[in-house]
All heavy atoms as atom14 arrays in JSON, in Angstrom:
{
  "sequence": "FIVNKRRRPQLKEFIKVIQQEHYSYKDPIVE",
  "atom14_mask": [
    [1, 1, 1, 1, 1, 1, 1, 1, 1, 1, 1, 0, 0, 0],
    [1, 1, 1, 1, 1, 1, 1, 1, 0, 0, 0, 0, 0, 0],
    [1, 1, 1, 1, 1, 1, 1, 0, 0, 0, 0, 0, 0, 0],
    [1, 1, 1, 1, 1, 1, 1, 1, 0, 0, 0, 0, 0, 0],
    [1, 1, 1, 1, 1, 1, 1, 1, 1, 0, 0, 0, 0, 0],
    [1, 1, 1, 1, 1, 1, 1, 1, 1, 1, 1, 0, 0, 0],
    [1, 1, 1, 1, 1, 1, 1, 1, 1, 1, 1, 0, 0, 0],
    [1, 1, 1, 1, 1, 1, 1, 1, 1, 1, 1, 0, 0, 0],
    [1, 1, 1, 1, 1, 1, 1, 0, 0, 0, 0, 0, 0, 0],
    [1, 1, 1, 1, 1, 1, 1, 1, 1, 0, 0, 0, 0, 0],
    [1, 1, 1, 1, 1, 1, 1, 1, 0, 0, 0, 0, 0, 0],
    [1, 1, 1, 1, 1, 1, 1, 1, 1, 0, 0, 0, 0, 0],
    [1, 1, 1, 1, 1, 1, 1, 1, 1, 0, 0, 0, 0, 0],
    [1, 1, 1, 1, 1, 1, 1, 1, 1, 1, 1, 0, 0, 0],
    [1, 1, 1, 1, 1, 1, 1, 1, 0, 0, 0, 0, 0, 0],
    [1, 1, 1, 1, 1, 1, 1, 1, 1, 0, 0, 0, 0, 0],
    [1, 1, 1, 1, 1, 1, 1, 0, 0, 0, 0, 0, 0, 0],
    [1, 1, 1, 1, 1, 1, 1, 1, 0, 0, 0, 0, 0, 0],
    [1, 1, 1, 1, 1, 1, 1, 1, 1, 0, 0, 0, 0, 0],
    [1, 1, 1, 1, 1, 1, 1, 1, 1, 0, 0, 0, 0, 0],
    [1, 1, 1, 1, 1, 1, 1, 1, 1, 0, 0, 0, 0, 0],
    [1, 1, 1, 1, 1, 1, 1, 1, 1, 1, 0, 0, 0, 0],
    [1, 1, 1, 1, 1, 1, 1, 1, 1, 1, 1, 1, 0, 0],
    [1, 1, 1, 1, 1, 1, 0, 0, 0, 0, 0, 0, 0, 0],
    [1, 1, 1, 1, 1, 1, 1, 1, 1, 1, 1, 1, 0, 0],
    [1, 1, 1, 1, 1, 1, 1, 1, 1, 0, 0, 0, 0, 0],
    [1, 1, 1, 1, 1, 1, 1, 1, 0, 0, 0, 0, 0, 0],
    [1, 1, 1, 1, 1, 1, 1, 0, 0, 0, 0, 0, 0, 0],
    [1, 1, 1, 1, 1, 1, 1, 1, 0, 0, 0, 0, 0, 0],
    [1, 1, 1, 1, 1, 1, 1, 0, 0, 0, 0, 0, 0, 0],
    [1, 1, 1, 1, 1, 1, 1, 1, 1, 0, 0, 0, 0, 0]
  ],
  "atom14_positions": [
    [[110.26, 107.19, 111.7], [110.15, 108.62, 111.49], [111.48, 109.21, 111.11], [111.53, 110.1, 110.26], [109.55, 109.36, 112.67], [108.07, 109.36, 112.72], [107.36, 108.74, 113.74], [107.34, 110.06, 111.75], [105.99, 108.77, 113.78], [105.96, 110.12, 111.79], [105.3, 109.44, 112.84], [0.0, 0.0, 0.0], [0.0, 0.0, 0.0], [0.0, 0.0, 0.0]],
    [[112.56, 108.77, 111.74], [113.88, 109.32, 111.4], [114.29, 108.98, 109.97], [114.8, 109.91, 109.3], [114.89, 108.73, 112.44], [114.68, 109.31, 113.83], [116.36, 109.06, 111.91], [115.49, 108.66, 114.89], [0.0, 0.0, 0.0], [0.0, 0.0, 0.0], [0.0, 0.0, 0.0], [0.0, 0.0, 0.0], [0.0, 0.0, 0.0], [0.0, 0.0, 0.0]],
    [[114.05, 107.8, 109.48], [114.52, 107.41, 108.19], [113.51, 107.78, 107.05], [113.79, 107.64, 105.88], [114.8, 105.92, 108.08], [115.97, 105.59, 109.07], [113.67, 105.03, 108.32], [0.0, 0.0, 0.0], [0.0, 0.0, 0.0], [0.0, 0.0, 0.0], [0.0, 0.0, 0.0], [0.0, 0.0, 0.0], [0.0, 0.0, 0.0], [0.0, 0.0, 0.0]],
    [[112.32, 108.21, 107.42], [111.26, 108.46, 106.38], [111.04, 110.0, 106.36], [110.37, 110.59, 107.17], [109.98, 107.77, 106.77], [109.03, 107.74, 105.62], [109.02, 108.6, 104.78], [108.2, 106.72, 105.6], [0.0, 0.0, 0.0], [0.0, 0.0, 0.0], [0.0, 0.0, 0.0], [0.0, 0.0, 0.0], [0.0, 0.0, 0.0], [0.0, 0.0, 0.0]],
    [[111.52, 110.64, 105.22], [111.4, 112.08, 105.14], [110.04, 112.53, 104.76], [109.56, 113.64, 105.03], [112.44, 112.55, 104.09], [113.83, 112.46, 104.49], [114.79, 112.92, 103.41], [116.2, 112.64, 103.82], [117.14, 112.99, 102.82], [0.0, 0.0, 0.0], [0.0, 0.0, 0.0], [0.0, 0.0, 0.0], [0.0, 0.0, 0.0], [0.0, 0.0, 0.0]],
    [[109.25, 111.63, 104.13], [107.94, 111.99, 103.65], [106.92, 112.11, 104.72], [105.87, 112.69, 104.58], [107.42, 110.97, 102.61], [108.14, 110.99, 101.34], [107.62, 110.0, 100.38], [108.23, 108.7, 100.68], [107.82, 107.54, 100.31], [106.79, 107.44, 99.58], [108.48, 106.41, 100.64], [0.0, 0.0, 0.0], [0.0, 0.0, 0.0], [0.0, 0.0, 0.0]],
    [[107.16, 111.6, 105.89], [106.2, 111.62, 107.0], [106.58, 112.67, 108.06], [106.16, 112.52, 109.2], [106.09, 110.2, 107.65], [105.56, 109.17, 106.68], [104.2, 109.63, 106.26], [103.65, 108.78, 105.24], [102.6, 107.98, 105.42], [101.94, 108.01, 106.58], [102.15, 107.24, 104.42], [0.0, 0.0, 0.0], [0.0, 0.0, 0.0], [0.0, 0.0, 0.0]],
    [[107.35, 113.67, 107.76], [107.72, 114.72, 108.73], [106.53, 115.41, 109.34], [106.56, 115.69, 110.54], [108.63, 115.71, 108.07], [109.99, 115.13, 107.65], [110.84, 114.85, 108.9], [112.14, 114.53, 108.37], [112.88, 113.47, 108.78], [112.4, 112.72, 109.74], [114.07, 113.22, 108.3], [0.0, 0.0, 0.0], [0.0, 0.0, 0.0], [0.0, 0.0, 0.0]],
    [[105.4, 115.69, 108.61], [104.27, 116.34, 109.22], [103.69, 115.56, 110.39], [103.24, 116.1, 111.43], [103.21, 116.5, 108.11], [104.04, 116.51, 106.9], [105.22, 115.66, 107.15], [0.0, 0.0, 0.0], [0.0, 0.0, 0.0], [0.0, 0.0, 0.0], [0.0, 0.0, 0.0], [0.0, 0.0, 0.0], [0.0, 0.0, 0.0], [0.0, 0.0, 0.0]],
    [[103.69, 114.26, 110.33], [103.17, 113.38, 111.42], [104.17, 113.31, 112.57], [103.82, 112.9, 113.66], [102.86, 112.01, 110.9], [101.71, 111.95, 109.94], [101.55, 110.54, 109.35], [102.52, 109.89, 109.07], [100.31, 110.13, 109.18], [0.0, 0.0, 0.0], [0.0, 0.0, 0.0], [0.0, 0.0, 0.0], [0.0, 0.0, 0.0], [0.0, 0.0, 0.0]],
    [[105.34, 113.7, 112.35], [106.35, 113.64, 113.41], [105.96, 114.5, 114.56], [106.19, 114.15, 115.74], [107.74, 114.04, 112.86], [108.9, 114.05, 113.84], [109.14, 112.64, 114.35], [110.16, 114.56, 113.12], [0.0, 0.0, 0.0], [0.0, 0.0, 0.0], [0.0, 0.0, 0.0], [0.0, 0.0, 0.0], [0.0, 0.0, 0.0], [0.0, 0.0, 0.0]],
    [[105.34, 115.61, 114.36], [104.98, 116.57, 115.42], [103.99, 115.89, 116.39], [104.11, 116.02, 117.59], [104.37, 117.9, 114.87], [105.4, 118.74, 114.14], [104.74, 119.97, 113.58], [105.81, 120.77, 112.78], [105.19, 121.92, 112.17], [0.0, 0.0, 0.0], [0.0, 0.0, 0.0], [0.0, 0.0, 0.0], [0.0, 0.0, 0.0], [0.0, 0.0, 0.0]],
    [[103.06, 115.14, 115.83], [102.09, 114.41, 116.69], [102.87, 113.33, 117.48], [102.52, 113.12, 118.7], [101.04, 113.74, 115.84], [100.15, 114.77, 115.12], [99.19, 114.06, 114.16], [98.95, 112.85, 114.32], [98.75, 114.74, 113.18], [0.0, 0.0, 0.0], [0.0, 0.0, 0.0], [0.0, 0.0, 0.0], [0.0, 0.0, 0.0], [0.0, 0.0, 0.0]],
    [[103.79, 112.7, 116.87], [104.59, 111.67, 117.56], [105.46, 112.25, 118.69], [105.63, 111.62, 119.75], [105.49, 110.86, 116.59], [106.27, 109.8, 117.22], [105.57, 108.76, 117.84], [107.62, 109.85, 117.28], [106.34, 107.67, 118.44], [108.35, 108.79, 117.86], [107.69, 107.78, 118.46], [0.0, 0.0, 0.0], [0.0, 0.0, 0.0], [0.0, 0.0, 0.0]],
    [[105.9, 113.46, 118.5], [106.68, 114.09, 119.55], [105.83, 114.32, 120.76], [106.27, 114.2, 121.88], [107.31, 115.4, 118.95], [108.27, 115.18, 117.84], [107.97, 116.23, 120.1], [109.48, 114.31, 118.23], [0.0, 0.0, 0.0], [0.0, 0.0, 0.0], [0.0, 0.0, 0.0], [0.0, 0.0, 0.0], [0.0, 0.0, 0.0], [0.0, 0.0, 0.0]],
    [[104.57, 114.6, 120.58], [103.65, 114.78, 121.71], [103.51, 113.45, 122.51], [103.44, 113.45, 123.75], [102.27, 115.28, 121.24], [102.3, 116.67, 120.68], [100.92, 117.06, 120.16], [100.99, 118.4, 119.51], [99.69, 118.76, 118.89], [0.0, 0.0, 0.0], [0.0, 0.0, 0.0], [0.0, 0.0, 0.0], [0.0, 0.0, 0.0], [0.0, 0.0, 0.0]],
    [[103.45, 112.37, 121.75], [103.39, 111.03, 122.42], [104.64, 110.75, 123.16], [104.59, 110.28, 124.34], [103.17, 109.95, 121.37], [103.27, 108.53, 121.92], [101.81, 110.1, 120.67], [0.0, 0.0, 0.0], [0.0, 0.0, 0.0], [0.0, 0.0, 0.0], [0.0, 0.0, 0.0], [0.0, 0.0, 0.0], [0.0, 0.0, 0.0], [0.0, 0.0, 0.0]],
    [[105.83, 111.15, 122.61], [107.06, 110.98, 123.3], [107.08, 111.76, 124.62], [107.51, 111.32, 125.65], [108.27, 111.36, 122.4], [108.42, 110.33, 121.3], [109.55, 111.5, 123.23], [109.52, 110.7, 120.29], [0.0, 0.0, 0.0], [0.0, 0.0, 0.0], [0.0, 0.0, 0.0], [0.0, 0.0, 0.0], [0.0, 0.0, 0.0], [0.0, 0.0, 0.0]],
    [[106.59, 112.97, 124.52], [106.5, 113.79, 125.74], [105.61, 113.19, 126.81], [105.94, 113.27, 127.99], [106.07, 115.21, 125.39], [107.02, 116.03, 124.67], [106.52, 117.46, 124.24], [105.51, 117.45, 123.6], [107.23, 118.42, 124.68], [0.0, 0.0, 0.0], [0.0, 0.0, 0.0], [0.0, 0.0, 0.0], [0.0, 0.0, 0.0], [0.0, 0.0, 0.0]],
    [[104.54, 112.61, 126.36], [103.62, 111.96, 127.35], [104.22, 110.77, 127.98], [104.07, 110.5, 129.15], [102.3, 111.51, 126.65], [101.39, 112.65, 126.19], [100.2, 112.17, 125.35], [100.19, 110.99, 124.96], [99.27, 113.04, 125.13], [0.0, 0.0, 0.0], [0.0, 0.0, 0.0], [0.0, 0.0, 0.0], [0.0, 0.0, 0.0], [0.0, 0.0, 0.0]],
    [[104.97, 110.02, 127.21], [105.56, 108.82, 127.69], [106.93, 108.92, 128.28], [107.59, 107.99, 128.72], [105.59, 107.69, 126.57], [104.29, 107.31, 126.03], [103.38, 106.67, 127.16], [103.89, 105.83, 127.88], [102.22, 107.03, 127.21], [0.0, 0.0, 0.0], [0.0, 0.0, 0.0], [0.0, 0.0, 0.0], [0.0, 0.0, 0.0], [0.0, 0.0, 0.0]],
    [[107.46, 110.14, 128.3], [108.86, 110.43, 128.7], [109.11, 109.91, 130.13], [110.2, 109.47, 130.45], [109.09, 111.98, 128.62], [110.56, 112.32, 129.02], [111.61, 112.01, 128.23], [110.99, 112.97, 130.06], [112.67, 112.47, 128.76], [112.37, 113.08, 129.93], [0.0, 0.0, 0.0], [0.0, 0.0, 0.0], [0.0, 0.0, 0.0], [0.0, 0.0, 0.0]],
    [[108.15, 109.97, 131.01], [108.37, 109.6, 132.37], [108.3, 108.06, 132.62], [108.85, 107.61, 133.6], [107.36, 110.32, 133.3], [107.54, 111.78, 133.28], [106.65, 112.59, 132.53], [108.62, 112.4, 133.94], [106.82, 114.0, 132.45], [108.88, 113.75, 133.82], [107.92, 114.57, 133.07], [108.14, 115.91, 132.99], [0.0, 0.0, 0.0], [0.0, 0.0, 0.0]],
    [[107.6, 107.35, 131.74], [107.43, 105.94, 131.96], [108.36, 105.09, 131.03], [108.57, 103.92, 131.29], [105.95, 105.49, 131.65], [105.61, 105.83, 130.33], [0.0, 0.0, 0.0], [0.0, 0.0, 0.0], [0.0, 0.0, 0.0], [0.0, 0.0, 0.0], [0.0, 0.0, 0.0], [0.0, 0.0, 0.0], [0.0, 0.0, 0.0], [0.0, 0.0, 0.0]],
    [[108.85, 105.7, 129.95], [109.68, 104.9, 129.0], [110.76, 105.82, 128.45], [110.54, 106.94, 127.97], [108.88, 104.38, 127.84], [109.66, 103.6, 126.89], [110.17, 102.32, 127.19], [110.06, 104.11, 125.63], [110.96, 101.59, 126.29], [110.81, 103.45, 124.74], [111.28, 102.18, 125.06], [112.08, 101.49, 124.19], [0.0, 0.0, 0.0], [0.0, 0.0, 0.0]],
    [[112.03, 105.27, 128.47], [113.2, 105.98, 127.9], [113.95, 104.96, 127.07], [114.17, 103.83, 127.49], [114.06, 106.59, 129.0], [113.35, 107.77, 129.71], [114.29, 108.41, 130.64], [113.53, 109.55, 131.29], [114.31, 110.35, 132.24], [0.0, 0.0, 0.0], [0.0, 0.0, 0.0], [0.0, 0.0, 0.0], [0.0, 0.0, 0.0], [0.0, 0.0, 0.0]],
    [[114.51, 105.45, 125.99], [115.22, 104.68, 125.05], [116.16, 105.61, 124.3], [115.79, 106.77, 124.11], [114.17, 104.05, 124.11], [114.75, 103.4, 122.92], [115.07, 102.16, 123.01], [114.9, 104.06, 121.86], [0.0, 0.0, 0.0], [0.0, 0.0, 0.0], [0.0, 0.0, 0.0], [0.0, 0.0, 0.0], [0.0, 0.0, 0.0], [0.0, 0.0, 0.0]],
    [[117.33, 105.22, 123.84], [118.22, 106.11, 123.18], [117.67, 106.75, 121.91], [117.88, 107.97, 121.68], [119.42, 105.22, 122.79], [119.45, 104.16, 123.81], [117.98, 103.88, 124.1], [0.0, 0.0, 0.0], [0.0, 0.0, 0.0], [0.0, 0.0, 0.0], [0.0, 0.0, 0.0], [0.0, 0.0, 0.0], [0.0, 0.0, 0.0], [0.0, 0.0, 0.0]],
    [[116.89, 106.02, 121.12], [116.3, 106.63, 119.93], [115.2, 107.6, 120.24], [115.15, 108.68, 119.7], [115.82, 105.48, 119.03], [116.96, 104.57, 118.53], [115.11, 106.08, 117.79], [116.52, 103.34, 117.86], [0.0, 0.0, 0.0], [0.0, 0.0, 0.0], [0.0, 0.0, 0.0], [0.0, 0.0, 0.0], [0.0, 0.0, 0.0], [0.0, 0.0, 0.0]],
    [[114.37, 107.25, 121.15], [113.31, 108.11, 121.61], [113.89, 109.36, 122.29], [113.44, 110.48, 122.06], [112.31, 107.42, 122.49], [111.3, 108.3, 123.12], [111.63, 106.24, 121.77], [0.0, 0.0, 0.0], [0.0, 0.0, 0.0], [0.0, 0.0, 0.0], [0.0, 0.0, 0.0], [0.0, 0.0, 0.0], [0.0, 0.0, 0.0], [0.0, 0.0, 0.0]],
    [[114.96, 109.2, 123.05], [115.61, 110.32, 123.74], [116.18, 111.25, 122.72], [116.2, 112.43, 122.9], [116.68, 109.76, 124.69], [116.18, 109.18, 126.01], [115.59, 110.24, 126.88], [116.24, 111.33, 127.1], [114.47, 110.01, 127.33], [0.0, 0.0, 0.0], [0.0, 0.0, 0.0], [0.0, 0.0, 0.0], [0.0, 0.0, 0.0], [0.0, 0.0, 0.0]]
  ]
}
């Protein structure tokens, strides 16, 4: 998602996934 500018609209949905998984998984890129 970071390197692909054409998929920015789908990034919002992915951010929701990151928020859901924030307590069980952390990584520098996801953070």
